Protein backbone atom coordinates (compact mmCIF):
# COMPACT_ATOMS: atom_id res chain seq x y z
CA MET A 1 117.92 45.91 129.98
CA THR A 2 116.07 44.71 133.09
CA ALA A 3 118.13 42.54 135.44
CA MET A 4 116.91 39.06 136.33
CA THR A 5 115.35 39.00 139.80
CA SER A 6 114.48 35.30 140.09
CA THR A 7 115.69 31.92 138.92
CA HIS A 8 113.91 28.73 137.93
CA SER A 9 113.57 25.79 140.29
CA ARG A 10 112.69 22.26 139.36
CA ILE A 11 109.27 21.07 140.56
CA GLU A 12 106.90 18.15 139.84
CA PRO A 13 103.30 19.47 139.99
CA GLY A 14 100.56 16.86 139.86
CA ILE A 15 98.86 18.66 136.96
CA LEU A 16 99.94 21.12 134.26
CA TYR A 17 96.77 23.17 133.83
CA PHE A 18 98.35 26.59 133.31
CA GLY A 19 95.12 28.20 132.15
CA THR A 20 92.60 27.32 129.43
CA PRO A 21 88.98 28.30 128.69
CA VAL A 22 86.22 26.37 130.44
CA VAL A 23 83.85 24.46 128.14
CA LEU A 24 80.44 23.05 129.06
CA ILE A 25 79.93 20.05 126.78
CA SER A 26 76.35 18.98 126.20
CA THR A 27 75.69 15.47 124.94
CA LEU A 28 72.78 13.02 124.91
CA ASN A 29 72.49 10.01 127.21
CA GLU A 30 71.17 6.64 126.07
CA ASP A 31 67.63 7.55 127.17
CA GLY A 32 67.70 10.83 125.24
CA SER A 33 68.19 13.04 128.31
CA PRO A 34 70.90 15.73 128.12
CA ASN A 35 74.21 15.55 129.95
CA LEU A 36 76.23 18.68 130.69
CA ALA A 37 79.85 18.52 131.81
CA PRO A 38 82.51 21.17 132.46
CA MET A 39 86.02 20.65 131.12
CA SER A 40 89.02 22.76 130.13
CA SER A 41 91.32 20.46 128.14
CA ALA A 42 90.42 22.01 124.79
CA PHE A 43 91.96 23.99 121.98
CA TRP A 44 90.82 25.23 118.55
CA LEU A 45 92.36 25.29 115.08
CA GLY A 46 90.09 26.89 112.50
CA TRP A 47 86.67 25.29 112.84
CA ARG A 48 88.11 22.17 114.48
CA ALA A 49 88.60 21.55 118.19
CA VAL A 50 90.61 18.96 120.09
CA LEU A 51 89.15 17.84 123.41
CA GLY A 52 90.77 15.69 126.08
CA LEU A 53 88.42 13.58 128.21
CA GLY A 54 88.56 10.65 130.56
CA ALA A 55 87.61 7.58 128.55
CA ARG A 56 85.16 6.40 131.22
CA SER A 57 83.39 9.74 131.61
CA LYS A 58 79.74 9.96 130.58
CA THR A 59 80.57 12.74 128.11
CA ALA A 60 83.19 10.62 126.35
CA GLU A 61 80.86 7.62 126.27
CA ASN A 62 78.07 9.73 124.77
CA MET A 63 80.36 11.28 122.14
CA VAL A 64 81.73 7.91 121.05
CA ARG A 65 78.22 6.47 120.84
CA THR A 66 76.43 9.38 119.11
CA GLY A 67 79.19 11.29 117.30
CA HIS A 68 78.05 14.78 118.25
CA CYS A 69 78.03 17.42 120.98
CA VAL A 70 77.69 21.13 121.66
CA LEU A 71 80.60 23.12 123.09
CA ASN A 72 79.15 25.89 125.22
CA LEU A 73 81.65 28.56 126.30
CA PRO A 74 80.71 30.31 129.56
CA SER A 75 81.82 33.82 130.40
CA ASP A 76 83.20 34.74 133.79
CA ALA A 77 79.61 35.69 134.73
CA GLN A 78 78.67 31.96 134.69
CA ALA A 79 81.38 30.88 137.15
CA ALA A 80 78.88 29.98 139.89
CA ALA A 81 76.80 27.86 137.50
CA VAL A 82 79.89 26.01 136.31
CA ASP A 83 80.99 25.40 139.90
CA ARG A 84 77.59 23.86 140.75
CA LEU A 85 78.47 21.08 138.30
CA ALA A 86 81.75 20.31 140.06
CA LEU A 87 81.99 16.79 141.50
CA THR A 88 78.91 15.62 139.60
CA THR A 89 78.74 12.92 136.95
CA GLY A 90 76.12 11.55 134.60
CA SER A 91 77.43 8.02 135.14
CA ASP A 92 75.43 5.66 137.33
CA PRO A 93 77.05 3.92 139.09
CA VAL A 94 79.79 6.48 139.69
CA PRO A 95 83.15 5.18 138.36
CA PRO A 96 85.45 4.14 141.24
CA ARG A 97 88.13 6.73 140.39
CA LYS A 98 85.54 9.51 140.54
CA GLU A 99 83.85 8.10 143.61
CA GLU A 100 87.09 8.26 145.60
CA ARG A 101 87.40 11.92 144.62
CA GLY A 102 83.93 12.75 145.93
CA TYR A 103 81.84 12.71 142.76
CA ARG A 104 78.12 11.91 142.92
CA PHE A 105 75.57 10.95 140.29
CA GLU A 106 73.43 13.85 139.01
CA PRO A 107 70.80 13.04 136.35
CA ASP A 108 69.65 16.65 135.85
CA LYS A 109 72.77 18.64 135.05
CA PHE A 110 70.93 21.62 133.59
CA GLY A 111 68.72 21.86 136.67
CA ARG A 112 71.68 21.47 138.99
CA ALA A 113 73.56 24.31 137.28
CA GLY A 114 70.49 26.52 136.91
CA LEU A 115 71.03 26.75 133.15
CA THR A 116 68.54 26.72 130.27
CA PRO A 117 68.62 24.25 127.36
CA LEU A 118 68.00 25.57 123.83
CA PRO A 119 67.50 23.45 120.67
CA ALA A 120 70.53 23.15 118.41
CA GLU A 121 70.19 23.43 114.63
CA THR A 122 72.33 20.54 113.37
CA VAL A 123 72.89 18.13 116.28
CA PRO A 124 70.54 16.57 118.86
CA PRO A 125 72.17 17.81 122.13
CA PRO A 126 70.89 21.15 123.42
CA ARG A 127 72.77 24.43 123.61
CA VAL A 128 73.10 26.46 126.82
CA ALA A 129 71.16 29.73 126.61
CA GLU A 130 73.26 31.57 129.21
CA CYS A 131 76.62 30.82 127.57
CA PRO A 132 77.65 33.61 125.16
CA VAL A 133 79.07 31.08 122.67
CA ASN A 134 77.52 27.80 121.46
CA LEU A 135 79.47 25.61 119.01
CA GLU A 136 77.55 22.71 117.47
CA ALA A 137 79.99 19.94 116.58
CA VAL A 138 80.35 16.46 115.15
CA VAL A 139 83.08 13.98 116.07
CA GLU A 140 85.51 13.37 113.22
CA ALA A 141 88.14 11.26 115.03
CA VAL A 142 88.89 9.70 118.40
CA HIS A 143 92.45 8.98 119.49
CA PRO A 144 93.72 7.34 122.68
CA LEU A 145 96.33 9.19 124.72
CA ALA A 146 99.34 7.73 126.58
CA GLU A 147 99.07 4.35 124.87
CA ASP A 148 102.81 3.92 125.47
CA ASP A 149 102.25 3.66 129.23
CA PRO A 150 100.53 0.52 130.59
CA ALA A 151 99.46 2.42 133.70
CA GLN A 152 97.54 5.02 131.63
CA ARG A 153 96.57 3.01 128.57
CA GLY A 154 92.84 3.26 127.83
CA ALA A 155 92.17 5.99 130.40
CA ILE A 156 92.22 9.14 128.24
CA LEU A 157 90.74 9.96 124.84
CA THR A 158 91.27 12.94 122.57
CA PHE A 159 88.39 13.92 120.30
CA GLU A 160 88.73 15.89 117.08
CA VAL A 161 85.43 17.64 116.45
CA ARG A 162 84.31 19.77 113.52
CA ILE A 163 82.15 22.81 114.17
CA GLN A 164 78.92 23.05 112.17
CA ARG A 165 77.23 26.11 113.70
CA VAL A 166 78.46 29.05 115.79
CA HIS A 167 75.90 30.98 117.87
CA VAL A 168 76.91 34.03 119.93
CA HIS A 169 75.23 36.65 122.09
CA GLU A 170 74.90 39.95 120.27
CA GLU A 171 76.85 41.85 122.93
CA ILE A 172 80.12 40.07 122.12
CA ARG A 173 80.01 40.73 118.37
CA MET A 174 82.42 43.26 116.89
CA PRO A 175 80.47 46.45 116.04
CA GLY A 176 80.16 47.06 112.32
CA THR A 177 81.00 43.45 111.36
CA THR A 178 78.96 40.34 110.66
CA ASP A 179 81.28 37.49 111.61
CA ARG A 180 83.78 38.73 114.20
CA ILE A 181 83.97 38.52 117.98
CA ASN A 182 84.95 41.62 119.94
CA PRO A 183 87.80 40.45 122.23
CA ASP A 184 87.21 43.44 124.51
CA ALA A 185 83.61 42.32 125.09
CA TRP A 186 84.19 38.56 125.30
CA ARG A 187 85.29 37.58 128.81
CA PRO A 188 85.87 33.79 128.84
CA LEU A 189 85.94 31.80 132.05
CA ILE A 190 89.45 30.43 132.57
CA MET A 191 90.54 27.45 134.66
CA SER A 192 94.07 27.56 136.06
CA PHE A 193 95.20 24.76 138.38
CA GLN A 194 91.57 23.91 139.31
CA HIS A 195 90.65 27.53 140.11
CA LEU A 196 88.28 29.75 138.09
CA TYR A 197 89.43 33.14 136.78
CA GLY A 198 88.31 35.84 134.40
CA LEU A 199 90.39 37.26 131.57
CA GLY A 200 92.24 40.49 132.31
CA PRO A 201 92.49 43.53 130.01
CA GLN A 202 94.74 43.59 126.96
CA VAL A 203 98.36 44.00 128.06
CA HIS A 204 100.07 44.78 124.72
CA PRO A 205 99.10 45.45 121.09
CA SER A 206 99.32 42.30 118.98
CA THR A 207 101.30 42.30 115.75
CA LEU A 208 99.51 39.09 114.76
CA ALA A 209 96.17 40.93 114.94
CA ARG A 210 97.22 42.93 111.86
CA ILE A 211 96.43 39.86 109.74
CA PRO A 212 92.79 40.07 108.57
CA GLU A 213 90.71 37.28 110.11
CA ARG A 214 89.22 36.47 106.70
CA LEU A 215 92.61 35.07 105.64
CA TYR A 216 92.16 32.27 108.17
CA ARG A 217 88.78 31.14 106.83
CA GLY A 218 89.03 27.47 105.84
CA PRO A 219 86.87 24.99 103.90
CA ASP A 220 85.08 23.80 107.06
CA ILE A 221 83.08 27.05 107.03
CA ASP A 222 81.72 26.34 103.52
CA ARG A 223 81.00 22.78 104.58
CA ALA A 224 79.12 24.03 107.63
CA ARG A 225 76.93 26.28 105.47
CA GLU A 226 75.79 23.20 103.56
CA THR A 227 74.85 21.30 106.73
CA PRO A 228 71.04 21.20 106.89
CA ARG A 229 68.98 21.82 109.99
CA ARG A 230 67.84 18.67 111.74
């Protein structure tokens, strides 16, 4: 048995972003123009996702107003494009909290990032051509976060979205299958404590991976098949 070589110490970091995938969320502004915003407070369960966003962000405002979005997942090859969107906002005027952090208004997010919009099948916002994964989604619920704290009340929203279409680049599909992603080919962009990283190689065989993926298929997939094109 390996001996312990270090002990824990108590700290109080300002954030607890230990590492999650980066998502570029595309939405539509009031005038019909697209907004594109990077975020990493997201997780998936089946064909549902939970997203955490500042309530006063343009993305949150657009999602509350329209009820839809596209979740575009960049690979580590798109790190520079994602970084070009840092400290930009689709809100004009810039909210005071963002202004004091150095944000500036940018009306053309796709142009700023050097990314290409593609039409989605079931929702109005565009997909991002360069991102290996595009997830078209509709908003099913919106919940406030930290309502127990007067200092934070009204500042953060969590969105439950349901996926209606999944589009992927051919090179990340599992060879010999129709509906599986090859984890050795898919290299998501990861944000850890505000820094961008790639995903390293597999470190250990997974016992959980012995469960066939088909056993996880839920009713949202059948519902998505019935969703017509716009």
